[in-house]
Amino acid sequence: MACVLGVRFSNYLTEALSLSDIPKYFWTDSTTALFWIKRNDQWGTFVGNRVREICSVTKVSQWSYVPGQLNPADLRSRGCSPLQFSELARWEGPVWLKSPPNSWPKLEIKPDEALISSERRK
């Protein structure tokens, strides 16, 4: 659900700020969601509808994995206080994100096939 909300928010900002000519990149710390998006498969209704929406407005190549420890959006779920949250330098993103995209790390991730397959249409 977070991936589809990110895409909707990106579309809203693109239109509201007239940003149609800039490249967009989408990051998730969910390997399962990433593999649902990257695989052309027959998913169950809930997952299938969200993956279709995501794929109708983004390209698979725009999606990448970011480990949870580098994901600033994940800090609140780890007990970070609102004050600590607002003062963190991590809002600037990982250091490598300021480099050209071709130098970003290519993380090899192994999918949890059982979890991914659990959403296949039966």
PDB file of N, CA and C in Angstrom:
ATOM      1  N   MET A   1       0.819  -1.191   0.000  1.00  0.00           N
ATOM      2  CA  MET A   1       0.000   0.000   0.000  1.00  0.00           C
ATOM      3  C   MET A   1       0.868   1.262   0.000  1.00  0.00           C
ATOM      4  N   ALA A   2       2.012   1.205   0.706  1.00  0.00           N
ATOM      5  CA  ALA A   2       2.896   2.371   0.751  1.00  0.00           C
ATOM      6  C   ALA A   2       3.406   2.722  -0.646  1.00  0.00           C
ATOM      7  N   CYS A   3       3.678   1.721  -1.468  1.00  0.00           N
ATOM      8  CA  CYS A   3       4.175   1.981  -2.825  1.00  0.00           C
ATOM      9  C   CYS A   3       3.135   2.716  -3.658  1.00  0.00           C
ATOM     10  N   VAL A   4       1.898   2.281  -3.591  1.00  0.00           N
ATOM     11  CA  VAL A   4       0.859   2.935  -4.381  1.00  0.00           C
ATOM     12  C   VAL A   4       0.597   4.347  -3.851  1.00  0.00           C
ATOM     13  N   LEU A   5       0.672   4.548  -2.546  1.00  0.00           N
ATOM     14  CA  LEU A   5       0.512   5.896  -1.995  1.00  0.00           C
ATOM     15  C   LEU A   5       1.654   6.802  -2.445  1.00  0.00           C
ATOM     16  N   GLY A   6       2.870   6.256  -2.502  1.00  0.00           N
ATOM     17  CA  GLY A   6       4.008   7.026  -2.989  1.00  0.00           C
ATOM     18  C   GLY A   6       3.829   7.453  -4.435  1.00  0.00           C
ATOM     19  N   VAL A   7       3.309   6.558  -5.254  1.00  0.00           N
ATOM     20  CA  VAL A   7       3.058   6.873  -6.661  1.00  0.00           C
ATOM     21  C   VAL A   7       1.972   7.941  -6.784  1.00  0.00           C
ATOM     22  N   ARG A   8       0.913   7.814  -6.008  1.00  0.00           N
ATOM     23  CA  ARG A   8      -0.166   8.815  -6.044  1.00  0.00           C
ATOM     24  C   ARG A   8       0.354  10.185  -5.618  1.00  0.00           C
ATOM     25  N   PHE A   9       1.163  10.211  -4.564  1.00  0.00           N
ATOM     26  CA  PHE A   9       1.722  11.469  -4.084  1.00  0.00           C
ATOM     27  C   PHE A   9       2.668  12.064  -5.129  1.00  0.00           C
ATOM     28  N   SER A  10       3.471  11.229  -5.756  1.00  0.00           N
ATOM     29  CA  SER A  10       4.369  11.688  -6.810  1.00  0.00           C
ATOM     30  C   SER A  10       3.579  12.302  -7.962  1.00  0.00           C
ATOM     31  N   ASN A  11       2.501  11.648  -8.361  1.00  0.00           N
ATOM     32  CA  ASN A  11       1.665  12.178  -9.444  1.00  0.00           C
ATOM     33  C   ASN A  11       1.045  13.516  -9.058  1.00  0.00           C
ATOM     34  N   TYR A  12       0.577  13.613  -7.815  1.00  0.00           N
ATOM     35  CA  TYR A  12      -0.010  14.867  -7.342  1.00  0.00           C
ATOM     36  C   TYR A  12       1.025  15.994  -7.401  1.00  0.00           C
ATOM     37  N   LEU A  13       2.222  15.745  -6.872  1.00  0.00           N
ATOM     38  CA  LEU A  13       3.270  16.770  -6.878  1.00  0.00           C
ATOM     39  C   LEU A  13       3.714  17.119  -8.295  1.00  0.00           C
ATOM     40  N   THR A  14       3.804  16.116  -9.152  1.00  0.00           N
ATOM     41  CA  THR A  14       4.199  16.350 -10.540  1.00  0.00           C
ATOM     42  C   THR A  14       3.240  17.321 -11.212  1.00  0.00           C
ATOM     43  N   GLU A  15       1.947  17.111 -11.004  1.00  0.00           N
ATOM     44  CA  GLU A  15       0.943  17.993 -11.607  1.00  0.00           C
ATOM     45  C   GLU A  15       0.901  19.351 -10.917  1.00  0.00           C
ATOM     46  N   ALA A  16       0.876  19.368  -9.589  1.00  0.00           N
ATOM     47  CA  ALA A  16       0.744  20.621  -8.842  1.00  0.00           C
ATOM     48  C   ALA A  16       1.933  21.554  -9.051  1.00  0.00           C
ATOM     49  N   LEU A  17       3.118  20.994  -9.208  1.00  0.00           N
ATOM     50  CA  LEU A  17       4.328  21.803  -9.342  1.00  0.00           C
ATOM     51  C   LEU A  17       4.884  21.824 -10.763  1.00  0.00           C
ATOM     52  N   SER A  18       4.141  21.270 -11.708  1.00  0.00           N
ATOM     53  CA  SER A  18       4.566  21.213 -13.115  1.00  0.00           C
ATOM     54  C   SER A  18       5.974  20.638 -13.248  1.00  0.00           C
ATOM     55  N   LEU A  19       6.148  19.430 -12.736  1.00  0.00           N
ATOM     56  CA  LEU A  19       7.456  18.772 -12.730  1.00  0.00           C
ATOM     57  C   LEU A  19       7.526  17.598 -13.705  1.00  0.00           C
ATOM     58  N   SER A  20       6.828  17.678 -14.791  1.00  0.00           N
ATOM     59  CA  SER A  20       6.730  16.520 -15.680  1.00  0.00           C
ATOM     60  C   SER A  20       8.041  16.154 -16.374  1.00  0.00           C
ATOM     61  N   ASP A  21       8.986  17.067 -16.440  1.00  0.00           N
ATOM     62  CA  ASP A  21      10.221  16.794 -17.180  1.00  0.00           C
ATOM     63  C   ASP A  21      11.390  16.350 -16.310  1.00  0.00           C
ATOM     64  N   ILE A  22      11.132  15.948 -15.070  1.00  0.00           N
ATOM     65  CA  ILE A  22      12.234  15.496 -14.224  1.00  0.00           C
ATOM     66  C   ILE A  22      12.144  13.986 -14.027  1.00  0.00           C
ATOM     67  N   PRO A  23      13.298  13.329 -13.928  1.00  0.00           N
ATOM     68  CA  PRO A  23      13.258  11.877 -13.686  1.00  0.00           C
ATOM     69  C   PRO A  23      12.744  11.588 -12.278  1.00  0.00           C
ATOM     70  N   LYS A  24      12.046  10.478 -12.149  1.00  0.00           N
ATOM     71  CA  LYS A  24      11.505  10.070 -10.852  1.00  0.00           C
ATOM     72  C   LYS A  24      12.029   8.685 -10.513  1.00  0.00           C
ATOM     73  N   TYR A  25      12.339   8.507  -9.244  1.00  0.00           N
ATOM     74  CA  TYR A  25      12.812   7.224  -8.741  1.00  0.00           C
ATOM     75  C   TYR A  25      11.975   6.868  -7.528  1.00  0.00           C
ATOM     76  N   PHE A  26      11.663   5.598  -7.408  1.00  0.00           N
ATOM     77  CA  PHE A  26      10.852   5.117  -6.297  1.00  0.00           C
ATOM     78  C   PHE A  26      11.645   4.063  -5.544  1.00  0.00           C
ATOM     79  N   TRP A  27      11.613   4.175  -4.223  1.00  0.00           N
ATOM     80  CA  TRP A  27      12.381   3.283  -3.360  1.00  0.00           C
ATOM     81  C   TRP A  27      11.447   2.610  -2.379  1.00  0.00           C
ATOM     82  N   THR A  28      11.692   1.354  -2.101  1.00  0.00           N
ATOM     83  CA  THR A  28      10.938   0.637  -1.085  1.00  0.00           C
ATOM     84  C   THR A  28      11.885  -0.244  -0.287  1.00  0.00           C
ATOM     85  N   ASP A  29      11.555  -0.404   0.991  1.00  0.00           N
ATOM     86  CA  ASP A  29      12.343  -1.346   1.792  1.00  0.00           C
ATOM     87  C   ASP A  29      11.617  -2.678   1.908  1.00  0.00           C
ATOM     88  N   SER A  30      10.562  -2.836   1.127  1.00  0.00           N
ATOM     89  CA  SER A  30       9.824  -4.104   1.089  1.00  0.00           C
ATOM     90  C   SER A  30      10.243  -4.897  -0.144  1.00  0.00           C
ATOM     91  N   THR A  31      11.019  -5.946   0.077  1.00  0.00           N
ATOM     92  CA  THR A  31      11.425  -6.777  -1.061  1.00  0.00           C
ATOM     93  C   THR A  31      10.216  -7.459  -1.683  1.00  0.00           C
ATOM     94  N   THR A  32       9.235  -7.792  -0.872  1.00  0.00           N
ATOM     95  CA  THR A  32       8.032  -8.443  -1.398  1.00  0.00           C
ATOM     96  C   THR A  32       7.299  -7.510  -2.345  1.00  0.00           C
ATOM     97  N   ALA A  33       7.044  -6.277  -1.920  1.00  0.00           N
ATOM     98  CA  ALA A  33       6.356  -5.313  -2.783  1.00  0.00           C
ATOM     99  C   ALA A  33       7.163  -5.055  -4.051  1.00  0.00           C
ATOM    100  N   LEU A  34       8.476  -4.960  -3.917  1.00  0.00           N
ATOM    101  CA  LEU A  34       9.327  -4.719  -5.079  1.00  0.00           C
ATOM    102  C   LEU A  34       9.199  -5.850  -6.099  1.00  0.00           C
ATOM    103  N   PHE A  35       9.198  -7.091  -5.633  1.00  0.00           N
ATOM    104  CA  PHE A  35       9.071  -8.213  -6.566  1.00  0.00           C
ATOM    105  C   PHE A  35       7.666  -8.314  -7.148  1.00  0.00           C
ATOM    106  N   TRP A  36       6.642  -7.912  -6.398  1.00  0.00           N
ATOM    107  CA  TRP A  36       5.296  -7.873  -6.979  1.00  0.00           C
ATOM    108  C   TRP A  36       5.276  -6.899  -8.153  1.00  0.00           C
ATOM    109  N   ILE A  37       5.916  -5.739  -7.975  1.00  0.00           N
ATOM    110  CA  ILE A  37       5.937  -4.714  -9.023  1.00  0.00           C
ATOM    111  C   ILE A  37       6.774  -5.176 -10.210  1.00  0.00           C
ATOM    112  N   LYS A  38       7.901  -5.802  -9.951  1.00  0.00           N
ATOM    113  CA  LYS A  38       8.830  -6.167 -11.028  1.00  0.00           C
ATOM    114  C   LYS A  38       8.419  -7.406 -11.816  1.00  0.00           C
ATOM    115  N   ARG A  39       7.527  -8.207 -11.269  1.00  0.00           N
ATOM    116  CA  ARG A  39       7.112  -9.426 -11.966  1.00  0.00           C
ATOM    117  C   ARG A  39       5.745  -9.231 -12.609  1.00  0.00           C
ATOM    118  N   ASN A  40       5.657  -9.638 -13.842  1.00  0.00           N
ATOM    119  CA  ASN A  40       4.382  -9.587 -14.542  1.00  0.00           C
ATOM    120  C   ASN A  40       3.664 -10.896 -14.247  1.00  0.00           C
ATOM    121  N   ASP A  41       2.804 -10.879 -13.263  1.00  0.00           N
ATOM    122  CA  ASP A  41       2.165 -12.109 -12.818  1.00  0.00           C
ATOM    123  C   ASP A  41       0.691 -11.849 -12.540  1.00  0.00           C
ATOM    124  N   GLN A  42      -0.038 -12.887 -12.338  1.00  0.00           N
ATOM    125  CA  GLN A  42      -1.455 -12.789 -12.001  1.00  0.00           C
ATOM    126  C   GLN A  42      -1.600 -12.770 -10.486  1.00  0.00           C
ATOM    127  N   TRP A  43      -1.675 -11.580  -9.912  1.00  0.00           N
ATOM    128  CA  TRP A  43      -1.793 -11.448  -8.471  1.00  0.00           C
ATOM    129  C   TRP A  43      -3.255 -11.482  -8.060  1.00  0.00           C
ATOM    130  N   GLY A  44      -3.486 -11.740  -6.788  1.00  0.00           N
ATOM    131  CA  GLY A  44      -4.835 -11.671  -6.246  1.00  0.00           C
ATOM    132  C   GLY A  44      -5.388 -10.262  -6.417  1.00  0.00           C
ATOM    133  N   THR A  45      -6.659 -10.079  -6.132  1.00  0.00           N
ATOM    134  CA  THR A  45      -7.341  -8.818  -6.410  1.00  0.00           C
ATOM    135  C   THR A  45      -6.679  -7.612  -5.746  1.00  0.00           C
ATOM    136  N   PHE A  46      -6.465  -7.665  -4.443  1.00  0.00           N
ATOM    137  CA  PHE A  46      -5.921  -6.500  -3.732  1.00  0.00           C
ATOM    138  C   PHE A  46      -4.545  -6.115  -4.262  1.00  0.00           C
ATOM    139  N   VAL A  47      -3.624  -7.058  -4.278  1.00  0.00           N
ATOM    140  CA  VAL A  47      -2.261  -6.782  -4.756  1.00  0.00           C
ATOM    141  C   VAL A  47      -2.290  -6.454  -6.246  1.00  0.00           C
ATOM    142  N   GLY A  48      -3.041  -7.213  -7.015  1.00  0.00           N
ATOM    143  CA  GLY A  48      -3.106  -6.995  -8.458  1.00  0.00           C
ATOM    144  C   GLY A  48      -3.571  -5.598  -8.831  1.00  0.00           C
ATOM    145  N   ASN A  49      -4.600  -5.100  -8.149  1.00  0.00           N
ATOM    146  CA  ASN A  49      -5.097  -3.753  -8.441  1.00  0.00           C
ATOM    147  C   ASN A  49      -4.046  -2.693  -8.146  1.00  0.00           C
ATOM    148  N   ARG A  50      -3.319  -2.846  -7.052  1.00  0.00           N
ATOM    149  CA  ARG A  50      -2.299  -1.865  -6.705  1.00  0.00           C
ATOM    150  C   ARG A  50      -1.098  -1.948  -7.645  1.00  0.00           C
ATOM    151  N   VAL A  51      -0.691  -3.149  -7.984  1.00  0.00           N
ATOM    152  CA  VAL A  51       0.429  -3.308  -8.917  1.00  0.00           C
ATOM    153  C   VAL A  51       0.053  -2.745 -10.287  1.00  0.00           C
ATOM    154  N   ARG A  52      -1.172  -2.987 -10.744  1.00  0.00           N
ATOM    155  CA  ARG A  52      -1.609  -2.423 -12.029  1.00  0.00           C
ATOM    156  C   ARG A  52      -1.574  -0.898 -11.997  1.00  0.00           C
ATOM    157  N   GLU A  53      -2.052  -0.309 -10.905  1.00  0.00           N
ATOM    158  CA  GLU A  53      -2.023   1.154 -10.791  1.00  0.00           C
ATOM    159  C   GLU A  53      -0.585   1.668 -10.825  1.00  0.00           C
ATOM    160  N   ILE A  54       0.292   1.034 -10.071  1.00  0.00           N
ATOM    161  CA  ILE A  54       1.699   1.440 -10.033  1.00  0.00           C
ATOM    162  C   ILE A  54       2.324   1.325 -11.422  1.00  0.00           C
ATOM    163  N   CYS A  55       2.099   0.206 -12.089  1.00  0.00           N
ATOM    164  CA  CYS A  55       2.718  -0.041 -13.398  1.00  0.00           C
ATOM    165  C   CYS A  55       2.096   0.795 -14.513  1.00  0.00           C
ATOM    166  N   SER A  56       0.902   1.333 -14.287  1.00  0.00           N
ATOM    167  CA  SER A  56       0.277   2.166 -15.314  1.00  0.00           C
ATOM    168  C   SER A  56       0.892   3.564 -15.359  1.00  0.00           C
ATOM    169  N   VAL A  57       1.563   3.977 -14.295  1.00  0.00           N
ATOM    170  CA  VAL A  57       2.127   5.328 -14.262  1.00  0.00           C
ATOM    171  C   VAL A  57       3.634   5.366 -13.991  1.00  0.00           C
ATOM    172  N   THR A  58       4.244   4.209 -13.730  1.00  0.00           N
ATOM    173  CA  THR A  58       5.695   4.160 -13.539  1.00  0.00           C
ATOM    174  C   THR A  58       6.257   3.015 -14.372  1.00  0.00           C
ATOM    175  N   LYS A  59       7.573   3.038 -14.531  1.00  0.00           N
ATOM    176  CA  LYS A  59       8.264   1.934 -15.196  1.00  0.00           C
ATOM    177  C   LYS A  59       8.932   1.083 -14.130  1.00  0.00           C
ATOM    178  N   VAL A  60       9.043  -0.182 -14.395  1.00  0.00           N
ATOM    179  CA  VAL A  60       9.706  -1.091 -13.458  1.00  0.00           C
ATOM    180  C   VAL A  60      11.119  -0.600 -13.152  1.00  0.00           C
ATOM    181  N   SER A  61      11.782  -0.030 -14.151  1.00  0.00           N
ATOM    182  CA  SER A  61      13.163   0.440 -13.970  1.00  0.00           C
ATOM    183  C   SER A  61      13.273   1.615 -12.996  1.00  0.00           C
ATOM    184  N   GLN A  62      12.165   2.251 -12.659  1.00  0.00           N
ATOM    185  CA  GLN A  62      12.183   3.365 -11.709  1.00  0.00           C
ATOM    186  C   GLN A  62      12.188   2.888 -10.259  1.00  0.00           C
ATOM    187  N   TRP A  63      12.000   1.598 -10.041  1.00  0.00           N
ATOM    188  CA  TRP A  63      11.861   1.051  -8.692  1.00  0.00           C
ATOM    189  C   TRP A  63      13.151   0.395  -8.224  1.00  0.00           C
ATOM    190  N   SER A  64      13.522   0.685  -6.974  1.00  0.00           N
ATOM    191  CA  SER A  64      14.718   0.094  -6.374  1.00  0.00           C
ATOM    192  C   SER A  64      14.470  -0.231  -4.910  1.00  0.00           C
ATOM    193  N   TYR A  65      15.376  -1.016  -4.383  1.00  0.00           N
ATOM    194  CA  TYR A  65      15.320  -1.429  -2.983  1.00  0.00           C
ATOM    195  C   TYR A  65      16.244  -0.559  -2.148  1.00  0.00           C
ATOM    196  N   VAL A  66      15.773  -0.142  -0.989  1.00  0.00           N
ATOM    197  CA  VAL A  66      16.612   0.553  -0.012  1.00  0.00           C
ATOM    198  C   VAL A  66      16.492  -0.205   1.307  1.00  0.00           C
ATOM    199  N   PRO A  67      17.603  -0.570   1.916  1.00  0.00           N
ATOM    200  CA  PRO A  67      17.512  -1.282   3.198  1.00  0.00           C
ATOM    201  C   PRO A  67      16.814  -0.419   4.255  1.00  0.00           C
ATOM    202  N   GLY A  68      16.074  -1.050   5.129  1.00  0.00           N
ATOM    203  CA  GLY A  68      15.326  -0.337   6.159  1.00  0.00           C
ATOM    204  C   GLY A  68      16.174   0.611   6.985  1.00  0.00           C
ATOM    205  N   GLN A  69      17.428   0.243   7.274  1.00  0.00           N
ATOM    206  CA  GLN A  69      18.273   1.111   8.091  1.00  0.00           C
ATOM    207  C   GLN A  69      18.648   2.404   7.377  1.00  0.00           C
ATOM    208  N   LEU A  70      18.466   2.480   6.054  1.00  0.00           N
ATOM    209  CA  LEU A  70      18.726   3.707   5.301  1.00  0.00           C
ATOM    210  C   LEU A  70      17.447   4.456   4.956  1.00  0.00           C
ATOM    211  N   ASN A  71      16.315   3.955   5.395  1.00  0.00           N
ATOM    212  CA  ASN A  71      15.018   4.517   5.045  1.00  0.00           C
ATOM    213  C   ASN A  71      14.533   5.442   6.160  1.00  0.00           C
ATOM    214  N   PRO A  72      14.582   6.777   5.954  1.00  0.00           N
ATOM    215  CA  PRO A  72      14.159   7.687   7.017  1.00  0.00           C
ATOM    216  C   PRO A  72      12.683   7.541   7.374  1.00  0.00           C
ATOM    217  N   ALA A  73      11.871   7.069   6.459  1.00  0.00           N
ATOM    218  CA  ALA A  73      10.445   6.907   6.740  1.00  0.00           C
ATOM    219  C   ALA A  73      10.179   5.796   7.741  1.00  0.00           C
ATOM    220  N   ASP A  74      11.152   4.946   7.968  1.00  0.00           N
ATOM    221  CA  ASP A  74      10.971   3.794   8.853  1.00  0.00           C
ATOM    222  C   ASP A  74      11.337   4.090  10.313  1.00  0.00           C
ATOM    223  N   LEU A  75      11.863   5.260  10.584  1.00  0.00           N
ATOM    224  CA  LEU A  75      12.371   5.565  11.925  1.00  0.00           C
ATOM    225  C   LEU A  75      11.288   5.611  13.002  1.00  0.00           C
ATOM    226  N   ARG A  76      10.128   6.131  12.693  1.00  0.00           N
ATOM    227  CA  ARG A  76       9.067   6.246  13.703  1.00  0.00           C
ATOM    228  C   ARG A  76       8.643   4.874  14.202  1.00  0.00           C
ATOM    229  N   SER A  77       8.690   3.887  13.355  1.00  0.00           N
ATOM    230  CA  SER A  77       8.296   2.545  13.786  1.00  0.00           C
ATOM    231  C   SER A  77       9.352   1.911  14.690  1.00  0.00           C
ATOM    232  N   ARG A  78      10.501   2.548  14.816  1.00  0.00           N
ATOM    233  CA  ARG A  78      11.580   2.028  15.662  1.00  0.00           C
ATOM    234  C   ARG A  78      11.729   2.806  16.963  1.00  0.00           C
ATOM    235  N   GLY A  79      10.721   3.604  17.322  1.00  0.00           N
ATOM    236  CA  GLY A  79      10.729   4.294  18.603  1.00  0.00           C
ATOM    237  C   GLY A  79      11.435   5.635  18.619  1.00  0.00           C
ATOM    238  N   CYS A  80      11.714   6.209  17.476  1.00  0.00           N
ATOM    239  CA  CYS A  80      12.350   7.517  17.399  1.00  0.00           C
ATOM    240  C   CYS A  80      11.323   8.577  17.821  1.00  0.00           C
ATOM    241  N   SER A  81      11.692   9.454  18.754  1.00  0.00           N
ATOM    242  CA  SER A  81      10.758  10.484  19.227  1.00  0.00           C
ATOM    243  C   SER A  81      10.547  11.537  18.141  1.00  0.00           C
ATOM    244  N   PRO A  82       9.434  12.289  18.211  1.00  0.00           N
ATOM    245  CA  PRO A  82       9.206  13.344  17.213  1.00  0.00           C
ATOM    246  C   PRO A  82      10.347  14.363  17.159  1.00  0.00           C
ATOM    247  N   LEU A  83      10.904  14.723  18.312  1.00  0.00           N
ATOM    248  CA  LEU A  83      12.010  15.682  18.321  1.00  0.00           C
ATOM    249  C   LEU A  83      13.243  15.093  17.637  1.00  0.00           C
ATOM    250  N   GLN A  84      13.602  13.865  17.992  1.00  0.00           N
ATOM    251  CA  GLN A  84      14.742  13.207  17.345  1.00  0.00           C
ATOM    252  C   GLN A  84      14.487  13.085  15.843  1.00  0.00           C
ATOM    253  N   PHE A  85      13.277  12.741  15.513  1.00  0.00           N
ATOM    254  CA  PHE A  85      12.876  12.542  14.120  1.00  0.00           C
ATOM    255  C   PHE A  85      13.109  13.814  13.299  1.00  0.00           C
ATOM    256  N   SER A  86      12.720  14.962  13.851  1.00  0.00           N
ATOM    257  CA  SER A  86      12.828  16.224  13.113  1.00  0.00           C
ATOM    258  C   SER A  86      14.270  16.721  12.992  1.00  0.00           C
ATOM    259  N   GLU A  87      15.156  16.265  13.873  1.00  0.00           N
ATOM    260  CA  GLU A  87      16.534  16.757  13.882  1.00  0.00           C
ATOM    261  C   GLU A  87      17.522  15.869  13.133  1.00  0.00           C
ATOM    262  N   LEU A  88      17.079  14.773  12.602  1.00  0.00           N
ATOM    263  CA  LEU A  88      17.990  13.824  11.964  1.00  0.00           C
ATOM    264  C   LEU A  88      18.506  14.320  10.621  1.00  0.00           C
ATOM    265  N   ALA A  89      19.782  14.093  10.385  1.00  0.00           N
ATOM    266  CA  ALA A  89      20.386  14.421   9.092  1.00  0.00           C
ATOM    267  C   ALA A  89      19.939  13.440   8.015  1.00  0.00           C
ATOM    268  N   ARG A  90      19.339  12.330   8.428  1.00  0.00           N
ATOM    269  CA  ARG A  90      18.927  11.328   7.442  1.00  0.00           C
ATOM    270  C   ARG A  90      17.873  11.854   6.480  1.00  0.00           C
ATOM    271  N   TRP A  91      17.241  12.979   6.804  1.00  0.00           N
ATOM    272  CA  TRP A  91      16.267  13.551   5.874  1.00  0.00           C
ATOM    273  C   TRP A  91      16.933  13.971   4.579  1.00  0.00           C
ATOM    274  N   GLU A  92      18.230  14.114   4.593  1.00  0.00           N
ATOM    275  CA  GLU A  92      18.957  14.431   3.369  1.00  0.00           C
ATOM    276  C   GLU A  92      19.140  13.190   2.507  1.00  0.00           C
ATOM    277  N   GLY A  93      18.825  12.050   3.055  1.00  0.00           N
ATOM    278  CA  GLY A  93      18.940  10.794   2.324  1.00  0.00           C
ATOM    279  C   GLY A  93      20.328  10.203   2.453  1.00  0.00           C
ATOM    280  N   PRO A  94      20.495   8.989   1.959  1.00  0.00           N
ATOM    281  CA  PRO A  94      21.810   8.354   1.992  1.00  0.00           C
ATOM    282  C   PRO A  94      22.811   9.161   1.160  1.00  0.00           C
ATOM    283  N   VAL A  95      24.064   9.143   1.550  1.00  0.00           N
ATOM    284  CA  VAL A  95      25.112   9.905   0.863  1.00  0.00           C
ATOM    285  C   VAL A  95      25.146   9.571  -0.626  1.00  0.00           C
ATOM    286  N   TRP A  96      25.018   8.289  -0.966  1.00  0.00           N
ATOM    287  CA  TRP A  96      25.120   7.875  -2.364  1.00  0.00           C
ATOM    288  C   TRP A  96      23.988   8.432  -3.223  1.00  0.00           C
ATOM    289  N   LEU A  97      22.891   8.874  -2.604  1.00  0.00           N
ATOM    290  CA  LEU A  97      21.757   9.394  -3.366  1.00  0.00           C
ATOM    291  C   LEU A  97      22.098  10.715  -4.050  1.00  0.00           C
ATOM    292  N   LYS A  98      23.127  11.391  -3.566  1.00  0.00           N
ATOM    293  CA  LYS A  98      23.561  12.656  -4.170  1.00  0.00           C
ATOM    294  C   LYS A  98      24.473  12.430  -5.375  1.00  0.00           C
ATOM    295  N   SER A  99      24.834  11.194  -5.623  1.00  0.00           N
ATOM    296  CA  SER A  99      25.675  10.833  -6.771  1.00  0.00           C
ATOM    297  C   SER A  99      24.780  10.546  -7.975  1.00  0.00           C
ATOM    298  N   PRO A 100      25.362  10.477  -9.168  1.00  0.00           N
ATOM    299  CA  PRO A 100      24.568  10.129 -10.350  1.00  0.00           C
ATOM    300  C   PRO A 100      23.953   8.727 -10.202  1.00  0.00           C
ATOM    301  N   PRO A 101      22.762   8.519 -10.751  1.00  0.00           N
ATOM    302  CA  PRO A 101      22.082   7.224 -10.608  1.00  0.00           C
ATOM    303  C   PRO A 101      22.911   6.015 -11.029  1.00  0.00           C
ATOM    304  N   ASN A 102      23.783   6.166 -12.013  1.00  0.00           N
ATOM    305  CA  ASN A 102      24.567   5.000 -12.448  1.00  0.00           C
ATOM    306  C   ASN A 102      25.605   4.571 -11.412  1.00  0.00           C
ATOM    307  N   SER A 103      25.834   5.394 -10.384  1.00  0.00           N
ATOM    308  CA  SER A 103      26.771   5.001  -9.329  1.00  0.00           C
ATOM    309  C   SER A 103      26.059   4.566  -8.044  1.00  0.00           C
ATOM    310  N   TRP A 104      24.730   4.542  -8.055  1.00  0.00           N
ATOM    311  CA  TRP A 104      23.985   4.070  -6.891  1.00  0.00           C
ATOM    312  C   TRP A 104      24.246   2.583  -6.694  1.00  0.00           C
ATOM    313  N   PRO A 105      24.235   2.126  -5.460  1.00  0.00           N
ATOM    314  CA  PRO A 105      24.498   0.697  -5.230  1.00  0.00           C
ATOM    315  C   PRO A 105      23.422  -0.179  -5.854  1.00  0.00           C
ATOM    316  N   LYS A 106      23.856  -1.259  -6.402  1.00  0.00           N
ATOM    317  CA  LYS A 106      22.942  -2.269  -6.946  1.00  0.00           C
ATOM    318  C   LYS A 106      22.892  -3.387  -5.923  1.00  0.00           C
ATOM    319  N   LEU A 107      21.852  -3.419  -5.155  1.00  0.00           N
ATOM    320  CA  LEU A 107      21.745  -4.402  -4.087  1.00  0.00           C
ATOM    321  C   LEU A 107      21.117  -5.682  -4.606  1.00  0.00           C
ATOM    322  N   GLU A 108      21.798  -6.761  -4.398  1.00  0.00           N
ATOM    323  CA  GLU A 108      21.266  -8.067  -4.757  1.00  0.00           C
ATOM    324  C   GLU A 108      20.386  -8.547  -3.609  1.00  0.00           C
ATOM    325  N   ILE A 109      19.121  -8.714  -3.887  1.00  0.00           N
ATOM    326  CA  ILE A 109      18.201  -9.168  -2.848  1.00  0.00           C
ATOM    327  C   ILE A 109      17.567 -10.476  -3.279  1.00  0.00           C
ATOM    328  N   LYS A 110      17.340 -11.318  -2.309  1.00  0.00           N
ATOM    329  CA  LYS A 110      16.705 -12.601  -2.585  1.00  0.00           C
ATOM    330  C   LYS A 110      15.242 -12.500  -2.168  1.00  0.00           C
ATOM    331  N   PRO A 111      14.359 -12.790  -3.086  1.00  0.00           N
ATOM    332  CA  PRO A 111      12.941 -12.703  -2.745  1.00  0.00           C
ATOM    333  C   PRO A 111      12.505 -13.848  -1.840  1.00  0.00           C
ATOM    334  N   ASP A 112      11.519 -13.573  -1.023  1.00  0.00           N
ATOM    335  CA  ASP A 112      10.868 -14.608  -0.224  1.00  0.00           C
ATOM    336  C   ASP A 112       9.778 -15.200  -1.120  1.00  0.00           C
ATOM    337  N   GLU A 113      10.142 -16.221  -1.868  1.00  0.00           N
ATOM    338  CA  GLU A 113       9.235 -16.786  -2.872  1.00  0.00           C
ATOM    339  C   GLU A 113       7.899 -17.233  -2.281  1.00  0.00           C
ATOM    340  N   ALA A 114       7.917 -17.771  -1.079  1.00  0.00           N
ATOM    341  CA  ALA A 114       6.668 -18.229  -0.462  1.00  0.00           C
ATOM    342  C   ALA A 114       5.728 -17.053  -0.220  1.00  0.00           C
ATOM    343  N   LEU A 115       6.265 -15.948   0.280  1.00  0.00           N
ATOM    344  CA  LEU A 115       5.443 -14.774   0.547  1.00  0.00           C
ATOM    345  C   LEU A 115       4.954 -14.139  -0.745  1.00  0.00           C
ATOM    346  N   ILE A 116       5.833 -14.021  -1.712  1.00  0.00           N
ATOM    347  CA  ILE A 116       5.447 -13.446  -3.001  1.00  0.00           C
ATOM    348  C   ILE A 116       4.372 -14.297  -3.658  1.00  0.00           C
ATOM    349  N   SER A 117       4.570 -15.592  -3.678  1.00  0.00           N
ATOM    350  CA  SER A 117       3.622 -16.509  -4.322  1.00  0.00           C
ATOM    351  C   SER A 117       2.283 -16.574  -3.608  1.00  0.00           C
ATOM    352  N   SER A 118       2.260 -16.220  -2.332  1.00  0.00           N
ATOM    353  CA  SER A 118       0.998 -16.292  -1.583  1.00  0.00           C
ATOM    354  C   SER A 118      -0.053 -15.351  -2.143  1.00  0.00           C
ATOM    355  N   GLU A 119       0.350 -14.369  -2.940  1.00  0.00           N
ATOM    356  CA  GLU A 119      -0.600 -13.426  -3.525  1.00  0.00           C
ATOM    357  C   GLU A 119      -0.960 -13.753  -4.969  1.00  0.00           C
ATOM    358  N   ARG A 120      -0.474 -14.861  -5.485  1.00  0.00           N
ATOM    359  CA  ARG A 120      -0.845 -15.246  -6.852  1.00  0.00           C
ATOM    360  C   ARG A 120      -2.306 -15.639  -6.904  1.00  0.00           C
ATOM    361  N   ARG A 121      -2.940 -15.272  -8.003  1.00  0.00           N
ATOM    362  CA  ARG A 121      -4.335 -15.655  -8.202  1.00  0.00           C
ATOM    363  C   ARG A 121      -4.412 -17.161  -8.307  1.00  0.00           C
ATOM    364  N   LYS A 122      -5.380 -17.722  -7.640  1.00  0.00           N
ATOM    365  CA  LYS A 122      -5.530 -19.181  -7.606  1.00  0.00           C
ATOM    366  C   LYS A 122      -6.487 -19.646  -8.674  1.00  0.00           C
TER     367      LYS A 122
END
